[in-house]
């Protein structure tokens, strides 16, 4: 069992400090660049691999992005919550492991969280993509209405286009032009489209940002290495680290399957970070890994 003796730890070790600085600077940079029409999340946020915006480096860079350039309050909250947890638990791990081992662990957990998020996206997106491919083989008004009811959320940002298609098609059910227009709408909805020089995001273009996957890996490692250390919920209610981590994991699992409307949190990415942390720790323990 790893011994916990906080008196010998550096309160702000170099890797944790630099990660906090980098994340804060990236949050600031996105607000600067959006003034010039550049959304940094388009380049560094994690996109589904079938999105035209996907780039391989996003598997790493997404964990240095937080919030949105259009919402200052949400960005500050997202950044603060992740960086506070990084400092609170990561400082102990860095002092226990050393700088290189801690940074390796942090990046691998973030990468593993991204892969887990991809798996969940694929499971969710595969159904709508296969349904749309099947619809394109024989596009009719009835099948289009069924597709919309089954797969398209009611809270579309611009419902007017689809409403126009449905209204016109009801007046002319045999229209080839409208069947083709319905296919174009579906392609635009899934894959996005270009309007002038601006790319309008489709379903597959939504960016995922944040260090939460890596931070949840750190949280798991803390509970794994220091299971009986007491944490204080709201500074009042003591709970052992192992139970705190277990309850948090169960909550993320519940929230991920519930998938409530308006919940844009990648809960399975959090679980992916925890899973990757478990795998890494088991491998390191088996091989007596040092770096």
C-alpha atoms as a PDB file:
ATOM      1  CA  UNK A   1       0.000   0.000   0.000  1.00  0.00           C
ATOM      2  CA  UNK A   2       1.332   3.458  -0.887  1.00  0.00           C
ATOM      3  CA  UNK A   3       1.884   5.578   2.181  1.00  0.00           C
ATOM      4  CA  UNK A   4       0.280   9.009   2.240  1.00  0.00           C
ATOM      5  CA  UNK A   5       2.300  11.666   4.040  1.00  0.00           C
ATOM      6  CA  UNK A   6       1.227  15.108   2.763  1.00  0.00           C
ATOM      7  CA  UNK A   7       3.877  16.960   4.734  1.00  0.00           C
ATOM      8  CA  UNK A   8       6.599  15.946   2.287  1.00  0.00           C
ATOM      9  CA  UNK A   9       4.728  16.940  -0.870  1.00  0.00           C
ATOM     10  CA  UNK A  10       5.260  19.991  -3.039  1.00  0.00           C
ATOM     11  CA  UNK A  11       1.913  21.788  -2.962  1.00  0.00           C
ATOM     12  CA  UNK A  12       2.169  22.775  -6.642  1.00  0.00           C
ATOM     13  CA  UNK A  13       4.574  20.440  -8.476  1.00  0.00           C
ATOM     14  CA  UNK A  14       5.853  21.463 -11.929  1.00  0.00           C
ATOM     15  CA  UNK A  15       3.752  19.239 -14.229  1.00  0.00           C
ATOM     16  CA  UNK A  16       0.496  20.096 -12.464  1.00  0.00           C
ATOM     17  CA  UNK A  17       1.447  23.774 -12.444  1.00  0.00           C
ATOM     18  CA  UNK A  18       2.291  23.816 -16.148  1.00  0.00           C
ATOM     19  CA  UNK A  19      -0.837  21.879 -17.104  1.00  0.00           C
ATOM     20  CA  UNK A  20      -2.956  24.437 -15.259  1.00  0.00           C
ATOM     21  CA  UNK A  21      -1.138  27.318 -16.970  1.00  0.00           C
ATOM     22  CA  UNK A  22      -1.461  25.751 -20.442  1.00  0.00           C
ATOM     23  CA  UNK A  23      -5.170  25.037 -19.995  1.00  0.00           C
ATOM     24  CA  UNK A  24      -5.831  28.559 -18.733  1.00  0.00           C
ATOM     25  CA  UNK A  25      -3.917  30.090 -21.659  1.00  0.00           C
ATOM     26  CA  UNK A  26      -5.787  27.933 -24.174  1.00  0.00           C
ATOM     27  CA  UNK A  27      -9.116  29.020 -22.667  1.00  0.00           C
ATOM     28  CA  UNK A  28      -8.048  32.647 -23.020  1.00  0.00           C
ATOM     29  CA  UNK A  29      -6.757  32.096 -26.563  1.00  0.00           C
ATOM     30  CA  UNK A  30     -10.091  30.759 -27.798  1.00  0.00           C
ATOM     31  CA  UNK A  31     -11.791  34.010 -26.737  1.00  0.00           C
ATOM     32  CA  UNK A  32      -9.148  36.036 -28.577  1.00  0.00           C
ATOM     33  CA  UNK A  33      -9.298  33.988 -31.796  1.00  0.00           C
ATOM     34  CA  UNK A  34     -13.096  33.961 -31.994  1.00  0.00           C
ATOM     35  CA  UNK A  35     -12.889  37.738 -32.497  1.00  0.00           C
ATOM     36  CA  UNK A  36     -11.169  36.933 -35.810  1.00  0.00           C
ATOM     37  CA  UNK A  37     -13.730  34.289 -36.766  1.00  0.00           C
ATOM     38  CA  UNK A  38     -11.548  31.350 -35.689  1.00  0.00           C
ATOM     39  CA  UNK A  39     -13.114  28.737 -33.418  1.00  0.00           C
ATOM     40  CA  UNK A  40     -10.152  26.934 -31.883  1.00  0.00           C
ATOM     41  CA  UNK A  41     -12.338  23.941 -31.004  1.00  0.00           C
ATOM     42  CA  UNK A  42     -12.712  23.236 -34.741  1.00  0.00           C
ATOM     43  CA  UNK A  43      -8.991  22.450 -34.865  1.00  0.00           C
ATOM     44  CA  UNK A  44      -8.156  21.158 -31.373  1.00  0.00           C
ATOM     45  CA  UNK A  45     -11.463  19.822 -30.017  1.00  0.00           C
ATOM     46  CA  UNK A  46     -12.170  16.116 -30.463  1.00  0.00           C
ATOM     47  CA  UNK A  47     -14.410  15.333 -33.436  1.00  0.00           C
ATOM     48  CA  UNK A  48     -15.972  12.067 -34.521  1.00  0.00           C
ATOM     49  CA  UNK A  49     -13.713  10.386 -37.074  1.00  0.00           C
ATOM     50  CA  UNK A  50     -16.355  10.681 -39.820  1.00  0.00           C
ATOM     51  CA  UNK A  51     -16.478  14.446 -39.380  1.00  0.00           C
ATOM     52  CA  UNK A  52     -14.657  16.573 -41.943  1.00  0.00           C
ATOM     53  CA  UNK A  53     -13.161  18.424 -38.963  1.00  0.00           C
ATOM     54  CA  UNK A  54     -11.489  15.359 -37.425  1.00  0.00           C
ATOM     55  CA  UNK A  55      -7.695  15.386 -37.158  1.00  0.00           C
ATOM     56  CA  UNK A  56      -5.613  12.692 -35.385  1.00  0.00           C
ATOM     57  CA  UNK A  57      -3.936  15.162 -33.030  1.00  0.00           C
ATOM     58  CA  UNK A  58      -7.325  15.968 -31.497  1.00  0.00           C
ATOM     59  CA  UNK A  59      -7.053  12.731 -29.486  1.00  0.00           C
ATOM     60  CA  UNK A  60      -4.530  14.643 -27.354  1.00  0.00           C
ATOM     61  CA  UNK A  61      -5.279  18.340 -27.890  1.00  0.00           C
ATOM     62  CA  UNK A  62      -8.937  18.084 -26.803  1.00  0.00           C
ATOM     63  CA  UNK A  63      -7.822  17.745 -23.195  1.00  0.00           C
ATOM     64  CA  UNK A  64      -6.281  21.236 -23.270  1.00  0.00           C
ATOM     65  CA  UNK A  65      -9.528  22.890 -24.390  1.00  0.00           C
ATOM     66  CA  UNK A  66     -12.413  23.899 -22.125  1.00  0.00           C
ATOM     67  CA  UNK A  67     -15.847  25.432 -22.457  1.00  0.00           C
ATOM     68  CA  UNK A  68     -16.915  27.511 -25.415  1.00  0.00           C
ATOM     69  CA  UNK A  69     -15.782  30.863 -26.851  1.00  0.00           C
ATOM     70  CA  UNK A  70     -19.437  31.882 -26.803  1.00  0.00           C
ATOM     71  CA  UNK A  71     -19.990  31.302 -23.079  1.00  0.00           C
ATOM     72  CA  UNK A  72     -17.539  32.828 -20.598  1.00  0.00           C
ATOM     73  CA  UNK A  73     -19.277  31.548 -17.469  1.00  0.00           C
ATOM     74  CA  UNK A  74     -19.480  27.951 -18.693  1.00  0.00           C
ATOM     75  CA  UNK A  75     -15.825  28.057 -19.726  1.00  0.00           C
ATOM     76  CA  UNK A  76     -14.677  29.361 -16.347  1.00  0.00           C
ATOM     77  CA  UNK A  77     -16.723  26.734 -14.506  1.00  0.00           C
ATOM     78  CA  UNK A  78     -15.492  23.894 -16.736  1.00  0.00           C
ATOM     79  CA  UNK A  79     -11.879  25.012 -16.486  1.00  0.00           C
ATOM     80  CA  UNK A  80     -11.944  25.632 -12.731  1.00  0.00           C
ATOM     81  CA  UNK A  81     -13.576  22.305 -11.844  1.00  0.00           C
ATOM     82  CA  UNK A  82     -11.064  20.310 -13.869  1.00  0.00           C
ATOM     83  CA  UNK A  83      -8.013  22.284 -12.779  1.00  0.00           C
ATOM     84  CA  UNK A  84      -9.034  22.221  -9.122  1.00  0.00           C
ATOM     85  CA  UNK A  85      -9.354  18.418  -9.235  1.00  0.00           C
ATOM     86  CA  UNK A  86      -6.055  18.194 -11.142  1.00  0.00           C
ATOM     87  CA  UNK A  87      -4.322  20.213  -8.427  1.00  0.00           C
ATOM     88  CA  UNK A  88      -6.053  18.474  -5.517  1.00  0.00           C
ATOM     89  CA  UNK A  89      -5.340  14.886  -6.564  1.00  0.00           C
ATOM     90  CA  UNK A  90      -2.678  15.262  -9.250  1.00  0.00           C
ATOM     91  CA  UNK A  91      -0.245  17.065  -6.961  1.00  0.00           C
ATOM     92  CA  UNK A  92      -0.141  14.064  -4.654  1.00  0.00           C
ATOM     93  CA  UNK A  93       0.361  11.627  -7.524  1.00  0.00           C
ATOM     94  CA  UNK A  94       3.112  13.706  -9.131  1.00  0.00           C
ATOM     95  CA  UNK A  95       4.983  13.924  -5.859  1.00  0.00           C
ATOM     96  CA  UNK A  96       4.546  10.173  -5.385  1.00  0.00           C
ATOM     97  CA  UNK A  97       5.517   9.098  -8.899  1.00  0.00           C
ATOM     98  CA  UNK A  98       7.703  11.875 -10.217  1.00  0.00           C
ATOM     99  CA  UNK A  99       7.186  14.228 -13.137  1.00  0.00           C
ATOM    100  CA  UNK A 100       7.684  11.923 -16.151  1.00  0.00           C
ATOM    101  CA  UNK A 101       5.597   9.060 -14.834  1.00  0.00           C
ATOM    102  CA  UNK A 102       2.777  11.391 -13.822  1.00  0.00           C
ATOM    103  CA  UNK A 103       2.695  13.158 -17.204  1.00  0.00           C
ATOM    104  CA  UNK A 104       2.741   9.796 -19.005  1.00  0.00           C
ATOM    105  CA  UNK A 105      -0.193   8.612 -16.903  1.00  0.00           C
ATOM    106  CA  UNK A 106      -2.138  11.848 -17.436  1.00  0.00           C
ATOM    107  CA  UNK A 107      -1.798  11.809 -21.232  1.00  0.00           C
ATOM    108  CA  UNK A 108      -2.566   8.107 -21.601  1.00  0.00           C
ATOM    109  CA  UNK A 109      -5.711   8.460 -19.482  1.00  0.00           C
ATOM    110  CA  UNK A 110      -6.872  11.382 -21.632  1.00  0.00           C
ATOM    111  CA  UNK A 111      -6.136   9.394 -24.797  1.00  0.00           C
ATOM    112  CA  UNK A 112      -7.991   6.362 -23.446  1.00  0.00           C
ATOM    113  CA  UNK A 113     -10.971   8.532 -22.530  1.00  0.00           C
ATOM    114  CA  UNK A 114     -11.087   9.809 -26.124  1.00  0.00           C
ATOM    115  CA  UNK A 115     -11.103   6.244 -27.500  1.00  0.00           C
ATOM    116  CA  UNK A 116     -13.922   5.283 -25.142  1.00  0.00           C
ATOM    117  CA  UNK A 117     -15.858   8.373 -26.228  1.00  0.00           C
ATOM    118  CA  UNK A 118     -15.358   7.356 -29.864  1.00  0.00           C
ATOM    119  CA  UNK A 119     -16.780   3.906 -29.130  1.00  0.00           C
ATOM    120  CA  UNK A 120     -19.898   5.430 -27.553  1.00  0.00           C
ATOM    121  CA  UNK A 121     -20.313   7.899 -30.431  1.00  0.00           C
ATOM    122  CA  UNK A 122     -20.001   5.079 -32.946  1.00  0.00           C
ATOM    123  CA  UNK A 123     -22.684   3.076 -31.154  1.00  0.00           C
ATOM    124  CA  UNK A 124     -25.017   6.076 -31.106  1.00  0.00           C
ATOM    125  CA  UNK A 125     -24.291   7.430 -34.582  1.00  0.00           C
ATOM    126  CA  UNK A 126     -24.240   4.069 -36.355  1.00  0.00           C
ATOM    127  CA  UNK A 127     -28.012   3.628 -36.004  1.00  0.00           C
ATOM    128  CA  UNK A 128     -28.923   6.979 -37.516  1.00  0.00           C
ATOM    129  CA  UNK A 129     -26.308   6.658 -40.274  1.00  0.00           C
ATOM    130  CA  UNK A 130     -27.476   3.179 -41.263  1.00  0.00           C
ATOM    131  CA  UNK A 131     -31.103   4.327 -41.165  1.00  0.00           C
ATOM    132  CA  UNK A 132     -30.295   7.258 -43.419  1.00  0.00           C
ATOM    133  CA  UNK A 133     -28.368   5.051 -45.855  1.00  0.00           C
ATOM    134  CA  UNK A 134     -31.371   2.726 -46.014  1.00  0.00           C
ATOM    135  CA  UNK A 135     -33.699   5.689 -46.555  1.00  0.00           C
ATOM    136  CA  UNK A 136     -31.644   6.945 -49.507  1.00  0.00           C
ATOM    137  CA  UNK A 137     -32.287   3.686 -51.368  1.00  0.00           C
ATOM    138  CA  UNK A 138     -36.019   4.458 -51.584  1.00  0.00           C
ATOM    139  CA  UNK A 139     -36.835   8.001 -50.376  1.00  0.00           C
ATOM    140  CA  UNK A 140     -40.571   8.475 -49.917  1.00  0.00           C
ATOM    141  CA  UNK A 141     -42.593  10.923 -47.869  1.00  0.00           C
ATOM    142  CA  UNK A 142     -43.766   8.247 -45.420  1.00  0.00           C
ATOM    143  CA  UNK A 143     -40.236   6.966 -44.854  1.00  0.00           C
ATOM    144  CA  UNK A 144     -38.898  10.493 -44.433  1.00  0.00           C
ATOM    145  CA  UNK A 145     -41.541  11.298 -41.821  1.00  0.00           C
ATOM    146  CA  UNK A 146     -40.696   8.057 -39.994  1.00  0.00           C
ATOM    147  CA  UNK A 147     -36.969   8.833 -40.130  1.00  0.00           C
ATOM    148  CA  UNK A 148     -37.564  12.309 -38.701  1.00  0.00           C
ATOM    149  CA  UNK A 149     -39.743  10.992 -35.876  1.00  0.00           C
ATOM    150  CA  UNK A 150     -37.330   8.212 -34.916  1.00  0.00           C
ATOM    151  CA  UNK A 151     -33.951   9.904 -35.242  1.00  0.00           C
ATOM    152  CA  UNK A 152     -34.235  13.684 -35.357  1.00  0.00           C
ATOM    153  CA  UNK A 153     -34.537  15.640 -32.079  1.00  0.00           C
ATOM    154  CA  UNK A 154     -37.329  18.167 -31.756  1.00  0.00           C
ATOM    155  CA  UNK A 155     -34.895  20.850 -30.589  1.00  0.00           C
ATOM    156  CA  UNK A 156     -33.276  21.447 -33.993  1.00  0.00           C
ATOM    157  CA  UNK A 157     -31.422  24.794 -34.200  1.00  0.00           C
ATOM    158  CA  UNK A 158     -33.077  25.572 -37.552  1.00  0.00           C
ATOM    159  CA  UNK A 159     -36.264  23.512 -38.023  1.00  0.00           C
ATOM    160  CA  UNK A 160     -37.626  25.695 -40.824  1.00  0.00           C
ATOM    161  CA  UNK A 161     -35.866  23.829 -43.651  1.00  0.00           C
ATOM    162  CA  UNK A 162     -37.208  20.418 -42.676  1.00  0.00           C
ATOM    163  CA  UNK A 163     -40.666  21.869 -42.057  1.00  0.00           C
ATOM    164  CA  UNK A 164     -40.646  23.387 -45.546  1.00  0.00           C
ATOM    165  CA  UNK A 165     -39.750  20.022 -47.080  1.00  0.00           C
ATOM    166  CA  UNK A 166     -42.487  18.211 -45.191  1.00  0.00           C
ATOM    167  CA  UNK A 167     -45.129  20.817 -46.019  1.00  0.00           C
ATOM    168  CA  UNK A 168     -44.279  20.919 -49.724  1.00  0.00           C
ATOM    169  CA  UNK A 169     -43.985  17.140 -49.964  1.00  0.00           C
ATOM    170  CA  UNK A 170     -47.390  16.646 -48.346  1.00  0.00           C
ATOM    171  CA  UNK A 171     -48.815  18.809 -51.133  1.00  0.00           C
ATOM    172  CA  UNK A 172     -46.921  16.836 -53.800  1.00  0.00           C
ATOM    173  CA  UNK A 173     -46.178  13.299 -52.484  1.00  0.00           C
ATOM    174  CA  UNK A 174     -44.704  12.059 -55.772  1.00  0.00           C
ATOM    175  CA  UNK A 175     -42.153  14.855 -56.191  1.00  0.00           C
ATOM    176  CA  UNK A 176     -38.682  13.624 -57.199  1.00  0.00           C
ATOM    177  CA  UNK A 177     -37.260  17.085 -56.461  1.00  0.00           C
ATOM    178  CA  UNK A 178     -38.438  16.939 -52.872  1.00  0.00           C
ATOM    179  CA  UNK A 179     -37.157  13.396 -52.355  1.00  0.00           C
ATOM    180  CA  UNK A 180     -33.743  14.590 -53.516  1.00  0.00           C
ATOM    181  CA  UNK A 181     -34.038  17.641 -51.267  1.00  0.00           C
ATOM    182  CA  UNK A 182     -34.779  15.366 -48.306  1.00  0.00           C
ATOM    183  CA  UNK A 183     -31.583  13.412 -49.025  1.00  0.00           C
ATOM    184  CA  UNK A 184     -29.551  16.618 -49.230  1.00  0.00           C
ATOM    185  CA  UNK A 185     -31.066  17.738 -45.935  1.00  0.00           C
ATOM    186  CA  UNK A 186     -30.086  14.443 -44.292  1.00  0.00           C
ATOM    187  CA  UNK A 187     -26.526  14.702 -45.594  1.00  0.00           C
ATOM    188  CA  UNK A 188     -26.253  18.262 -44.331  1.00  0.00           C
ATOM    189  CA  UNK A 189     -27.716  17.283 -40.962  1.00  0.00           C
ATOM    190  CA  UNK A 190     -25.214  14.476 -40.445  1.00  0.00           C
ATOM    191  CA  UNK A 191     -22.074  15.776 -42.128  1.00  0.00           C
ATOM    192  CA  UNK A 192     -22.537  19.548 -42.187  1.00  0.00           C
ATOM    193  CA  UNK A 193     -22.257  21.824 -45.185  1.00  0.00           C
ATOM    194  CA  UNK A 194     -20.492  24.937 -46.413  1.00  0.00           C
ATOM    195  CA  UNK A 195     -22.319  28.249 -46.667  1.00  0.00           C
ATOM    196  CA  UNK A 196     -20.092  30.726 -48.452  1.00  0.00           C
ATOM    197  CA  UNK A 197     -16.748  30.295 -46.707  1.00  0.00           C
ATOM    198  CA  UNK A 198     -18.287  29.123 -43.433  1.00  0.00           C
ATOM    199  CA  UNK A 199     -18.712  25.474 -42.438  1.00  0.00           C
ATOM    200  CA  UNK A 200     -22.066  24.809 -40.786  1.00  0.00           C
ATOM    201  CA  UNK A 201     -21.644  21.947 -38.352  1.00  0.00           C
ATOM    202  CA  UNK A 202     -23.563  18.724 -38.756  1.00  0.00           C
ATOM    203  CA  UNK A 203     -24.315  16.107 -36.123  1.00  0.00           C
ATOM    204  CA  UNK A 204     -20.897  14.473 -36.585  1.00  0.00           C
ATOM    205  CA  UNK A 205     -19.094  17.803 -36.262  1.00  0.00           C
ATOM    206  CA  UNK A 206     -19.811  18.439 -32.583  1.00  0.00           C
ATOM    207  CA  UNK A 207     -16.558  18.967 -30.692  1.00  0.00           C
ATOM    208  CA  UNK A 208     -15.749  17.376 -27.330  1.00  0.00           C
ATOM    209  CA  UNK A 209     -13.360  19.352 -25.139  1.00  0.00           C
ATOM    210  CA  UNK A 210     -11.924  19.133 -21.652  1.00  0.00           C
ATOM    211  CA  UNK A 211      -9.388  17.384 -19.464  1.00  0.00           C
ATOM    212  CA  UNK A 212     -12.078  15.467 -17.576  1.00  0.00           C
ATOM    213  CA  UNK A 213     -11.056  12.058 -18.932  1.00  0.00           C
ATOM    214  CA  UNK A 214      -7.475  12.527 -17.740  1.00  0.00           C
ATOM    215  CA  UNK A 215      -8.661  14.045 -14.450  1.00  0.00           C
ATOM    216  CA  UNK A 216     -10.981  11.119 -13.769  1.00  0.00           C
ATOM    217  CA  UNK A 217      -8.023   8.832 -14.379  1.00  0.00           C
ATOM    218  CA  UNK A 218      -6.124  10.770 -11.724  1.00  0.00           C
ATOM    219  CA  UNK A 219      -9.084  10.553  -9.363  1.00  0.00           C
ATOM    220  CA  UNK A 220      -9.210   6.777  -9.824  1.00  0.00           C
ATOM    221  CA  UNK A 221      -5.470   6.451  -9.234  1.00  0.00           C
ATOM    222  CA  UNK A 222      -5.736   8.445  -6.032  1.00  0.00           C
ATOM    223  CA  UNK A 223      -8.499   6.172  -4.743  1.00  0.00           C
ATOM    224  CA  UNK A 224      -6.531   3.113  -5.841  1.00  0.00           C
ATOM    225  CA  UNK A 225      -3.271   4.154  -4.170  1.00  0.00           C
ATOM    226  CA  UNK A 226      -4.716   5.878  -1.103  1.00  0.00           C
ATOM    227  CA  UNK A 227      -8.043   4.075  -0.534  1.00  0.00           C
ATOM    228  CA  UNK A 228      -8.476   4.955   3.122  1.00  0.00           C
ATOM    229  CA  UNK A 229      -7.603   8.649   2.975  1.00  0.00           C
ATOM    230  CA  UNK A 230     -10.573  10.699   4.121  1.00  0.00           C
ATOM    231  CA  UNK A 231     -12.065  13.224   1.719  1.00  0.00           C
ATOM    232  CA  UNK A 232     -14.524  15.799   2.995  1.00  0.00           C
ATOM    233  CA  UNK A 233     -17.616  16.455   0.890  1.00  0.00           C
ATOM    234  CA  UNK A 234     -18.450  20.160   1.130  1.00  0.00           C
ATOM    235  CA  UNK A 235     -15.687  20.278   3.765  1.00  0.00           C
ATOM    236  CA  UNK A 236     -18.075  18.637   6.256  1.00  0.00           C
ATOM    237  CA  UNK A 237     -18.844  14.991   5.457  1.00  0.00           C
ATOM    238  CA  UNK A 238     -15.911  12.554   5.580  1.00  0.00           C
ATOM    239  CA  UNK A 239     -15.723   9.644   3.120  1.00  0.00           C
ATOM    240  CA  UNK A 240     -12.874   7.301   2.291  1.00  0.00           C
ATOM    241  CA  UNK A 241     -11.285   7.872  -1.111  1.00  0.00           C
ATOM    242  CA  UNK A 242     -12.108   4.362  -2.358  1.00  0.00           C
ATOM    243  CA  UNK A 243     -15.836   4.853  -1.693  1.00  0.00           C
ATOM    244  CA  UNK A 244     -15.830   8.348  -3.158  1.00  0.00           C
ATOM    245  CA  UNK A 245     -14.309   7.033  -6.388  1.00  0.00           C
ATOM    246  CA  UNK A 246     -16.714   4.070  -6.486  1.00  0.00           C
ATOM    247  CA  UNK A 247     -19.789   6.264  -5.982  1.00  0.00           C
ATOM    248  CA  UNK A 248     -18.556   8.751  -8.575  1.00  0.00           C
ATOM    249  CA  UNK A 249     -18.018   5.964 -11.112  1.00  0.00           C
ATOM    250  CA  UNK A 250     -21.515   4.594 -10.491  1.00  0.00           C
ATOM    251  CA  UNK A 251     -22.985   8.071 -10.891  1.00  0.00           C
ATOM    252  CA  UNK A 252     -21.177   8.553 -14.215  1.00  0.00           C
ATOM    253  CA  UNK A 253     -22.428   5.160 -15.387  1.00  0.00           C
ATOM    254  CA  UNK A 254     -25.996   6.034 -14.402  1.00  0.00           C
ATOM    255  CA  UNK A 255     -25.799   9.491 -16.009  1.00  0.00           C
ATOM    256  CA  UNK A 256     -24.283   8.043 -19.170  1.00  0.00           C
ATOM    257  CA  UNK A 257     -27.107   5.550 -19.681  1.00  0.00           C
ATOM    258  CA  UNK A 258     -29.804   8.018 -18.638  1.00  0.00           C
ATOM    259  CA  UNK A 259     -28.523  10.570 -21.173  1.00  0.00           C
ATOM    260  CA  UNK A 260     -30.926  13.303 -20.059  1.00  0.00           C
ATOM    261  CA  UNK A 261     -32.003  16.041 -22.467  1.00  0.00           C
ATOM    262  CA  UNK A 262     -29.651  19.000 -22.267  1.00  0.00           C
ATOM    263  CA  UNK A 263     -26.868  16.904 -20.744  1.00  0.00           C
ATOM    264  CA  UNK A 264     -23.821  17.555 -22.934  1.00  0.00           C
ATOM    265  CA  UNK A 265     -21.339  15.880 -20.579  1.00  0.00           C
ATOM    266  CA  UNK A 266     -19.316  12.962 -22.006  1.00  0.00           C
ATOM    267  CA  UNK A 267     -19.919  10.636 -19.061  1.00  0.00           C
ATOM    268  CA  UNK A 268     -18.486   7.571 -20.785  1.00  0.00           C
ATOM    269  CA  UNK A 269     -15.299   9.491 -21.538  1.00  0.00           C
ATOM    270  CA  UNK A 270     -14.967  10.000 -17.776  1.00  0.00           C
ATOM    271  CA  UNK A 271     -15.414   6.283 -17.264  1.00  0.00           C
ATOM    272  CA  UNK A 272     -12.933   5.661 -20.061  1.00  0.00           C
ATOM    273  CA  UNK A 273     -10.339   7.701 -18.185  1.00  0.00           C
ATOM    274  CA  UNK A 274     -10.975   5.618 -15.073  1.00  0.00           C
ATOM    275  CA  UNK A 275     -10.778   2.363 -17.023  1.00  0.00           C
ATOM    276  CA  UNK A 276      -7.511   3.377 -18.646  1.00  0.00           C
ATOM    277  CA  UNK A 277      -6.126   4.350 -15.232  1.00  0.00           C
ATOM    278  CA  UNK A 278      -7.025   0.908 -13.882  1.00  0.00           C
ATOM    279  CA  UNK A 279      -5.299  -0.811 -16.826  1.00  0.00           C
ATOM    280  CA  UNK A 280      -2.159   1.321 -16.513  1.00  0.00           C
ATOM    281  CA  UNK A 281      -1.884   0.754 -12.767  1.00  0.00           C
ATOM    282  CA  UNK A 282      -2.299  -2.991 -13.172  1.00  0.00           C
ATOM    283  CA  UNK A 283       0.392  -3.090 -15.873  1.00  0.00           C
ATOM    284  CA  UNK A 284       2.758  -0.946 -13.826  1.00  0.00           C
ATOM    285  CA  UNK A 285       2.229  -3.077 -10.730  1.00  0.00           C
ATOM    286  CA  UNK A 286       2.812  -6.280 -12.693  1.00  0.00           C
ATOM    287  CA  UNK A 287       5.970  -5.010 -14.374  1.00  0.00           C
ATOM    288  CA  UNK A 288       7.193  -2.873 -11.470  1.00  0.00           C
ATOM    289  CA  UNK A 289       7.264  -0.001 -13.943  1.00  0.00           C
ATOM    290  CA  UNK A 290       9.438   3.038 -13.345  1.00  0.00           C
ATOM    291  CA  UNK A 291      10.235   5.996 -15.547  1.00  0.00           C
END
